[in-house]
């Protein structure tokens, strides 16, 4: 039963993220533009490593998970 609830929660989270990306893209416009994100561009290729953005996402997810799943 716990696995079913987890799948339902993941589905709801994906739905919310999809709605935000579709109807309010300015809410996630900061992603990839923070100081510390590495962007290397050349004539034919480019490399993007979102170090700081992933750090912020990790902190936010850690806080959310601890709020909902801590016993």
PDB file of N, CA and C in Angstrom:
ATOM      1  N   UNK A   1       0.824  -1.203   0.000  1.00  0.00           N
ATOM      2  CA  UNK A   1       0.000   0.000   0.000  1.00  0.00           C
ATOM      3  C   UNK A   1       0.865   1.262   0.000  1.00  0.00           C
ATOM      4  N   UNK A   2       2.005   1.227   0.680  1.00  0.00           N
ATOM      5  CA  UNK A   2       2.874   2.403   0.741  1.00  0.00           C
ATOM      6  C   UNK A   2       3.449   2.721  -0.642  1.00  0.00           C
ATOM      7  N   UNK A   3       3.734   1.673  -1.421  1.00  0.00           N
ATOM      8  CA  UNK A   3       4.270   1.888  -2.759  1.00  0.00           C
ATOM      9  C   UNK A   3       3.246   2.597  -3.645  1.00  0.00           C
ATOM     10  N   UNK A   4       1.987   2.256  -3.506  1.00  0.00           N
ATOM     11  CA  UNK A   4       0.935   2.913  -4.274  1.00  0.00           C
ATOM     12  C   UNK A   4       0.806   4.383  -3.931  1.00  0.00           C
ATOM     13  N   UNK A   5       0.907   4.693  -2.652  1.00  0.00           N
ATOM     14  CA  UNK A   5       0.846   6.102  -2.225  1.00  0.00           C
ATOM     15  C   UNK A   5       2.044   6.875  -2.756  1.00  0.00           C
ATOM     16  N   UNK A   6       3.204   6.237  -2.759  1.00  0.00           N
ATOM     17  CA  UNK A   6       4.401   6.881  -3.290  1.00  0.00           C
ATOM     18  C   UNK A   6       4.242   7.170  -4.772  1.00  0.00           C
ATOM     19  N   UNK A   7       3.738   6.220  -5.529  1.00  0.00           N
ATOM     20  CA  UNK A   7       3.512   6.442  -6.958  1.00  0.00           C
ATOM     21  C   UNK A   7       2.480   7.548  -7.202  1.00  0.00           C
ATOM     22  N   UNK A   8       1.439   7.596  -6.387  1.00  0.00           N
ATOM     23  CA  UNK A   8       0.433   8.655  -6.525  1.00  0.00           C
ATOM     24  C   UNK A   8       1.047  10.016  -6.218  1.00  0.00           C
ATOM     25  N   UNK A   9       1.878  10.097  -5.206  1.00  0.00           N
ATOM     26  CA  UNK A   9       2.525  11.362  -4.847  1.00  0.00           C
ATOM     27  C   UNK A   9       3.473  11.819  -5.952  1.00  0.00           C
ATOM     28  N   UNK A  10       4.219  10.882  -6.525  1.00  0.00           N
ATOM     29  CA  UNK A  10       5.119  11.232  -7.626  1.00  0.00           C
ATOM     30  C   UNK A  10       4.314  11.714  -8.829  1.00  0.00           C
ATOM     31  N   UNK A  11       3.186  11.078  -9.099  1.00  0.00           N
ATOM     32  CA  UNK A  11       2.330  11.498 -10.203  1.00  0.00           C
ATOM     33  C   UNK A  11       1.779  12.899 -10.014  1.00  0.00           C
ATOM     34  N   UNK A  12       1.344  13.200  -8.808  1.00  0.00           N
ATOM     35  CA  UNK A  12       0.830  14.544  -8.511  1.00  0.00           C
ATOM     36  C   UNK A  12       1.939  15.577  -8.633  1.00  0.00           C
ATOM     37  N   UNK A  13       3.128  15.239  -8.140  1.00  0.00           N
ATOM     38  CA  UNK A  13       4.260  16.164  -8.234  1.00  0.00           C
ATOM     39  C   UNK A  13       4.622  16.433  -9.697  1.00  0.00           C
ATOM     40  N   UNK A  14       4.635  15.392 -10.523  1.00  0.00           N
ATOM     41  CA  UNK A  14       4.930  15.580 -11.942  1.00  0.00           C
ATOM     42  C   UNK A  14       3.855  16.421 -12.632  1.00  0.00           C
ATOM     43  N   UNK A  15       2.609  16.236 -12.244  1.00  0.00           N
ATOM     44  CA  UNK A  15       1.523  17.043 -12.804  1.00  0.00           C
ATOM     45  C   UNK A  15       1.706  18.513 -12.454  1.00  0.00           C
ATOM     46  N   UNK A  16       2.022  18.792 -11.213  1.00  0.00           N
ATOM     47  CA  UNK A  16       2.224  20.175 -10.782  1.00  0.00           C
ATOM     48  C   UNK A  16       3.417  20.801 -11.503  1.00  0.00           C
ATOM     49  N   UNK A  17       4.513  20.059 -11.604  1.00  0.00           N
ATOM     50  CA  UNK A  17       5.687  20.568 -12.315  1.00  0.00           C
ATOM     51  C   UNK A  17       5.353  20.828 -13.780  1.00  0.00           C
ATOM     52  N   UNK A  18       4.611  19.936 -14.397  1.00  0.00           N
ATOM     53  CA  UNK A  18       4.209  20.122 -15.790  1.00  0.00           C
ATOM     54  C   UNK A  18       3.343  21.352 -15.992  1.00  0.00           C
ATOM     55  N   UNK A  19       2.416  21.582 -15.066  1.00  0.00           N
ATOM     56  CA  UNK A  19       1.574  22.777 -15.153  1.00  0.00           C
ATOM     57  C   UNK A  19       2.390  24.051 -14.971  1.00  0.00           C
ATOM     58  N   UNK A  20       3.343  24.031 -14.051  1.00  0.00           N
ATOM     59  CA  UNK A  20       4.187  25.203 -13.840  1.00  0.00           C
ATOM     60  C   UNK A  20       5.020  25.495 -15.080  1.00  0.00           C
ATOM     61  N   UNK A  21       5.610  24.471 -15.666  1.00  0.00           N
ATOM     62  CA  UNK A  21       6.434  24.662 -16.862  1.00  0.00           C
ATOM     63  C   UNK A  21       5.589  25.166 -18.030  1.00  0.00           C
ATOM     64  N   UNK A  22       4.365  24.696 -18.143  1.00  0.00           N
ATOM     65  CA  UNK A  22       3.508  25.086 -19.265  1.00  0.00           C
ATOM     66  C   UNK A  22       2.904  26.476 -19.112  1.00  0.00           C
ATOM     67  N   UNK A  23       2.403  26.776 -17.906  1.00  0.00           N
ATOM     68  CA  UNK A  23       1.630  28.007 -17.736  1.00  0.00           C
ATOM     69  C   UNK A  23       2.330  29.108 -16.960  1.00  0.00           C
ATOM     70  N   UNK A  24       3.434  28.807 -16.282  1.00  0.00           N
ATOM     71  CA  UNK A  24       4.149  29.831 -15.521  1.00  0.00           C
ATOM     72  C   UNK A  24       5.662  29.601 -15.632  1.00  0.00           C
ATOM     73  N   UNK A  25       6.208  29.691 -16.832  1.00  0.00           N
ATOM     74  CA  UNK A  25       7.636  29.389 -16.994  1.00  0.00           C
ATOM     75  C   UNK A  25       8.551  30.380 -16.283  1.00  0.00           C
ATOM     76  N   UNK A  26       8.067  31.575 -15.957  1.00  0.00           N
ATOM     77  CA  UNK A  26       8.894  32.550 -15.257  1.00  0.00           C
ATOM     78  C   UNK A  26       9.230  32.102 -13.833  1.00  0.00           C
ATOM     79  N   UNK A  27       8.484  31.140 -13.295  1.00  0.00           N
ATOM     80  CA  UNK A  27       8.780  30.636 -11.953  1.00  0.00           C
ATOM     81  C   UNK A  27      10.052  29.793 -11.913  1.00  0.00           C
ATOM     82  N   UNK A  28      10.429  29.208 -13.043  1.00  0.00           N
ATOM     83  CA  UNK A  28      11.655  28.402 -13.077  1.00  0.00           C
ATOM     84  C   UNK A  28      12.689  29.006 -14.021  1.00  0.00           C
ATOM     85  N   UNK A  29      12.537  30.265 -14.347  1.00  0.00           N
ATOM     86  CA  UNK A  29      13.445  30.948 -15.254  1.00  0.00           C
ATOM     87  C   UNK A  29      14.846  31.101 -14.657  1.00  0.00           C
ATOM     88  N   UNK A  30      14.976  31.027 -13.356  1.00  0.00           N
ATOM     89  CA  UNK A  30      16.260  31.175 -12.673  1.00  0.00           C
ATOM     90  C   UNK A  30      17.169  29.979 -12.890  1.00  0.00           C
ATOM     91  N   UNK A  31      16.602  28.830 -13.214  1.00  0.00           N
ATOM     92  CA  UNK A  31      17.386  27.605 -13.317  1.00  0.00           C
ATOM     93  C   UNK A  31      18.424  27.715 -14.424  1.00  0.00           C
ATOM     94  N   UNK A  32      19.669  27.512 -14.059  1.00  0.00           N
ATOM     95  CA  UNK A  32      20.756  27.565 -15.015  1.00  0.00           C
ATOM     96  C   UNK A  32      21.386  28.924 -15.183  1.00  0.00           C
ATOM     97  N   UNK A  33      20.919  29.910 -14.448  1.00  0.00           N
ATOM     98  CA  UNK A  33      21.463  31.259 -14.576  1.00  0.00           C
ATOM     99  C   UNK A  33      22.054  31.771 -13.268  1.00  0.00           C
ATOM    100  N   UNK A  34      22.268  30.882 -12.313  1.00  0.00           N
ATOM    101  CA  UNK A  34      22.839  31.279 -11.036  1.00  0.00           C
ATOM    102  C   UNK A  34      24.357  31.346 -11.125  1.00  0.00           C
ATOM    103  N   UNK A  35      24.978  32.173 -10.268  1.00  0.00           N
ATOM    104  CA  UNK A  35      26.437  32.174 -10.233  1.00  0.00           C
ATOM    105  C   UNK A  35      26.930  30.799  -9.774  1.00  0.00           C
ATOM    106  N   UNK A  36      27.890  30.265 -10.448  1.00  0.00           N
ATOM    107  CA  UNK A  36      28.395  28.937 -10.123  1.00  0.00           C
ATOM    108  C   UNK A  36      27.973  27.883 -11.125  1.00  0.00           C
ATOM    109  N   UNK A  37      26.999  28.188 -11.961  1.00  0.00           N
ATOM    110  CA  UNK A  37      26.624  27.276 -13.042  1.00  0.00           C
ATOM    111  C   UNK A  37      27.659  27.423 -14.155  1.00  0.00           C
ATOM    112  N   UNK A  38      28.171  26.320 -14.615  1.00  0.00           N
ATOM    113  CA  UNK A  38      29.256  26.331 -15.591  1.00  0.00           C
ATOM    114  C   UNK A  38      28.681  26.193 -16.992  1.00  0.00           C
ATOM    115  N   UNK A  39      29.050  27.132 -17.849  1.00  0.00           N
ATOM    116  CA  UNK A  39      28.589  27.115 -19.237  1.00  0.00           C
ATOM    117  C   UNK A  39      29.799  27.374 -20.129  1.00  0.00           C
ATOM    118  N   UNK A  40      30.150  26.408 -20.947  1.00  0.00           N
ATOM    119  CA  UNK A  40      31.281  26.525 -21.864  1.00  0.00           C
ATOM    120  C   UNK A  40      30.724  26.410 -23.278  1.00  0.00           C
ATOM    121  N   UNK A  41      30.923  27.465 -24.067  1.00  0.00           N
ATOM    122  CA  UNK A  41      30.397  27.477 -25.435  1.00  0.00           C
ATOM    123  C   UNK A  41      31.542  27.635 -26.423  1.00  0.00           C
ATOM    124  N   UNK A  42      31.451  26.889 -27.495  1.00  0.00           N
ATOM    125  CA  UNK A  42      32.415  26.959 -28.577  1.00  0.00           C
ATOM    126  C   UNK A  42      31.634  27.157 -29.867  1.00  0.00           C
ATOM    127  N   UNK A  43      32.315  27.174 -30.987  1.00  0.00           N
ATOM    128  CA  UNK A  43      31.628  27.365 -32.265  1.00  0.00           C
ATOM    129  C   UNK A  43      30.643  26.245 -32.577  1.00  0.00           C
ATOM    130  N   UNK A  44      31.051  24.997 -32.302  1.00  0.00           N
ATOM    131  CA  UNK A  44      30.227  23.859 -32.695  1.00  0.00           C
ATOM    132  C   UNK A  44      29.648  23.078 -31.538  1.00  0.00           C
ATOM    133  N   UNK A  45      30.054  23.372 -30.333  1.00  0.00           N
ATOM    134  CA  UNK A  45      29.578  22.584 -29.194  1.00  0.00           C
ATOM    135  C   UNK A  45      29.442  23.458 -27.959  1.00  0.00           C
ATOM    136  N   UNK A  46      28.688  22.940 -27.013  1.00  0.00           N
ATOM    137  CA  UNK A  46      28.544  23.636 -25.746  1.00  0.00           C
ATOM    138  C   UNK A  46      28.353  22.625 -24.628  1.00  0.00           C
ATOM    139  N   UNK A  47      28.790  23.019 -23.443  1.00  0.00           N
ATOM    140  CA  UNK A  47      28.679  22.178 -22.258  1.00  0.00           C
ATOM    141  C   UNK A  47      28.050  23.026 -21.158  1.00  0.00           C
ATOM    142  N   UNK A  48      27.058  22.465 -20.501  1.00  0.00           N
ATOM    143  CA  UNK A  48      26.383  23.176 -19.419  1.00  0.00           C
ATOM    144  C   UNK A  48      26.333  22.279 -18.196  1.00  0.00           C
ATOM    145  N   UNK A  49      26.868  22.754 -17.076  1.00  0.00           N
ATOM    146  CA  UNK A  49      26.879  21.993 -15.828  1.00  0.00           C
ATOM    147  C   UNK A  49      26.237  22.873 -14.748  1.00  0.00           C
ATOM    148  N   UNK A  50      24.983  22.610 -14.381  1.00  0.00           N
ATOM    149  CA  UNK A  50      24.273  23.470 -13.420  1.00  0.00           C
ATOM    150  C   UNK A  50      24.605  23.119 -11.963  1.00  0.00           C
ATOM    151  N   UNK A  51      25.815  23.436 -11.524  1.00  0.00           N
ATOM    152  CA  UNK A  51      26.270  23.069 -10.181  1.00  0.00           C
ATOM    153  C   UNK A  51      25.426  23.758  -9.116  1.00  0.00           C
ATOM    154  N   UNK A  52      25.347  25.073  -9.158  1.00  0.00           N
ATOM    155  CA  UNK A  52      24.620  25.825  -8.136  1.00  0.00           C
ATOM    156  C   UNK A  52      23.118  25.571  -8.212  1.00  0.00           C
ATOM    157  N   UNK A  53      22.576  25.485  -9.400  1.00  0.00           N
ATOM    158  CA  UNK A  53      21.140  25.231  -9.542  1.00  0.00           C
ATOM    159  C   UNK A  53      20.758  23.883  -8.949  1.00  0.00           C
ATOM    160  N   UNK A  54      21.578  22.853  -9.181  1.00  0.00           N
ATOM    161  CA  UNK A  54      21.295  21.534  -8.615  1.00  0.00           C
ATOM    162  C   UNK A  54      21.441  21.540  -7.098  1.00  0.00           C
ATOM    163  N   UNK A  55      22.360  22.358  -6.578  1.00  0.00           N
ATOM    164  CA  UNK A  55      22.505  22.496  -5.133  1.00  0.00           C
ATOM    165  C   UNK A  55      21.232  23.087  -4.520  1.00  0.00           C
ATOM    166  N   UNK A  56      20.684  24.111  -5.158  1.00  0.00           N
ATOM    167  CA  UNK A  56      19.451  24.735  -4.671  1.00  0.00           C
ATOM    168  C   UNK A  56      18.279  23.757  -4.765  1.00  0.00           C
ATOM    169  N   UNK A  57      18.173  23.034  -5.863  1.00  0.00           N
ATOM    170  CA  UNK A  57      17.106  22.040  -6.018  1.00  0.00           C
ATOM    171  C   UNK A  57      17.237  20.951  -4.955  1.00  0.00           C
ATOM    172  N   UNK A  58      18.461  20.527  -4.662  1.00  0.00           N
ATOM    173  CA  UNK A  58      18.693  19.508  -3.645  1.00  0.00           C
ATOM    174  C   UNK A  58      18.255  19.984  -2.266  1.00  0.00           C
ATOM    175  N   UNK A  59      18.560  21.215  -1.936  1.00  0.00           N
ATOM    176  CA  UNK A  59      18.140  21.765  -0.639  1.00  0.00           C
ATOM    177  C   UNK A  59      16.619  21.841  -0.547  1.00  0.00           C
ATOM    178  N   UNK A  60      15.974  22.308  -1.595  1.00  0.00           N
ATOM    179  CA  UNK A  60      14.515  22.421  -1.594  1.00  0.00           C
ATOM    180  C   UNK A  60      13.861  21.047  -1.459  1.00  0.00           C
ATOM    181  N   UNK A  61      14.349  20.065  -2.212  1.00  0.00           N
ATOM    182  CA  UNK A  61      13.781  18.715  -2.118  1.00  0.00           C
ATOM    183  C   UNK A  61      14.035  18.090  -0.749  1.00  0.00           C
ATOM    184  N   UNK A  62      15.193  18.336  -0.161  1.00  0.00           N
ATOM    185  CA  UNK A  62      15.480  17.817   1.173  1.00  0.00           C
ATOM    186  C   UNK A  62      14.524  18.389   2.200  1.00  0.00           C
ATOM    187  N   UNK A  63      14.255  19.669   2.125  1.00  0.00           N
ATOM    188  CA  UNK A  63      13.311  20.304   3.056  1.00  0.00           C
ATOM    189  C   UNK A  63      11.911  19.738   2.872  1.00  0.00           C
ATOM    190  N   UNK A  64      11.469  19.601   1.629  1.00  0.00           N
ATOM    191  CA  UNK A  64      10.123  19.073   1.368  1.00  0.00           C
ATOM    192  C   UNK A  64       9.996  17.636   1.857  1.00  0.00           C
ATOM    193  N   UNK A  65      10.977  16.806   1.556  1.00  0.00           N
ATOM    194  CA  UNK A  65      10.921  15.405   1.975  1.00  0.00           C
ATOM    195  C   UNK A  65      10.930  15.289   3.495  1.00  0.00           C
ATOM    196  N   UNK A  66      11.740  16.107   4.164  1.00  0.00           N
ATOM    197  CA  UNK A  66      11.773  16.061   5.628  1.00  0.00           C
ATOM    198  C   UNK A  66      10.475  16.557   6.250  1.00  0.00           C
ATOM    199  N   UNK A  67       9.805  17.495   5.609  1.00  0.00           N
ATOM    200  CA  UNK A  67       8.534  17.984   6.144  1.00  0.00           C
ATOM    201  C   UNK A  67       7.433  16.932   6.057  1.00  0.00           C
ATOM    202  N   UNK A  68       7.410  16.183   4.958  1.00  0.00           N
ATOM    203  CA  UNK A  68       6.318  15.250   4.735  1.00  0.00           C
ATOM    204  C   UNK A  68       6.576  13.829   5.211  1.00  0.00           C
ATOM    205  N   UNK A  69       7.826  13.397   5.220  1.00  0.00           N
ATOM    206  CA  UNK A  69       8.100  11.997   5.500  1.00  0.00           C
ATOM    207  C   UNK A  69       8.850  11.745   6.804  1.00  0.00           C
ATOM    208  N   UNK A  70       9.095  12.750   7.599  1.00  0.00           N
ATOM    209  CA  UNK A  70       9.789  12.564   8.867  1.00  0.00           C
ATOM    210  C   UNK A  70       8.816  12.037   9.916  1.00  0.00           C
ATOM    211  N   UNK A  71       9.267  11.083  10.694  1.00  0.00           N
ATOM    212  CA  UNK A  71       8.397  10.508  11.717  1.00  0.00           C
ATOM    213  C   UNK A  71       8.806  10.953  13.083  1.00  0.00           C
TER     214      UNK A  71
END
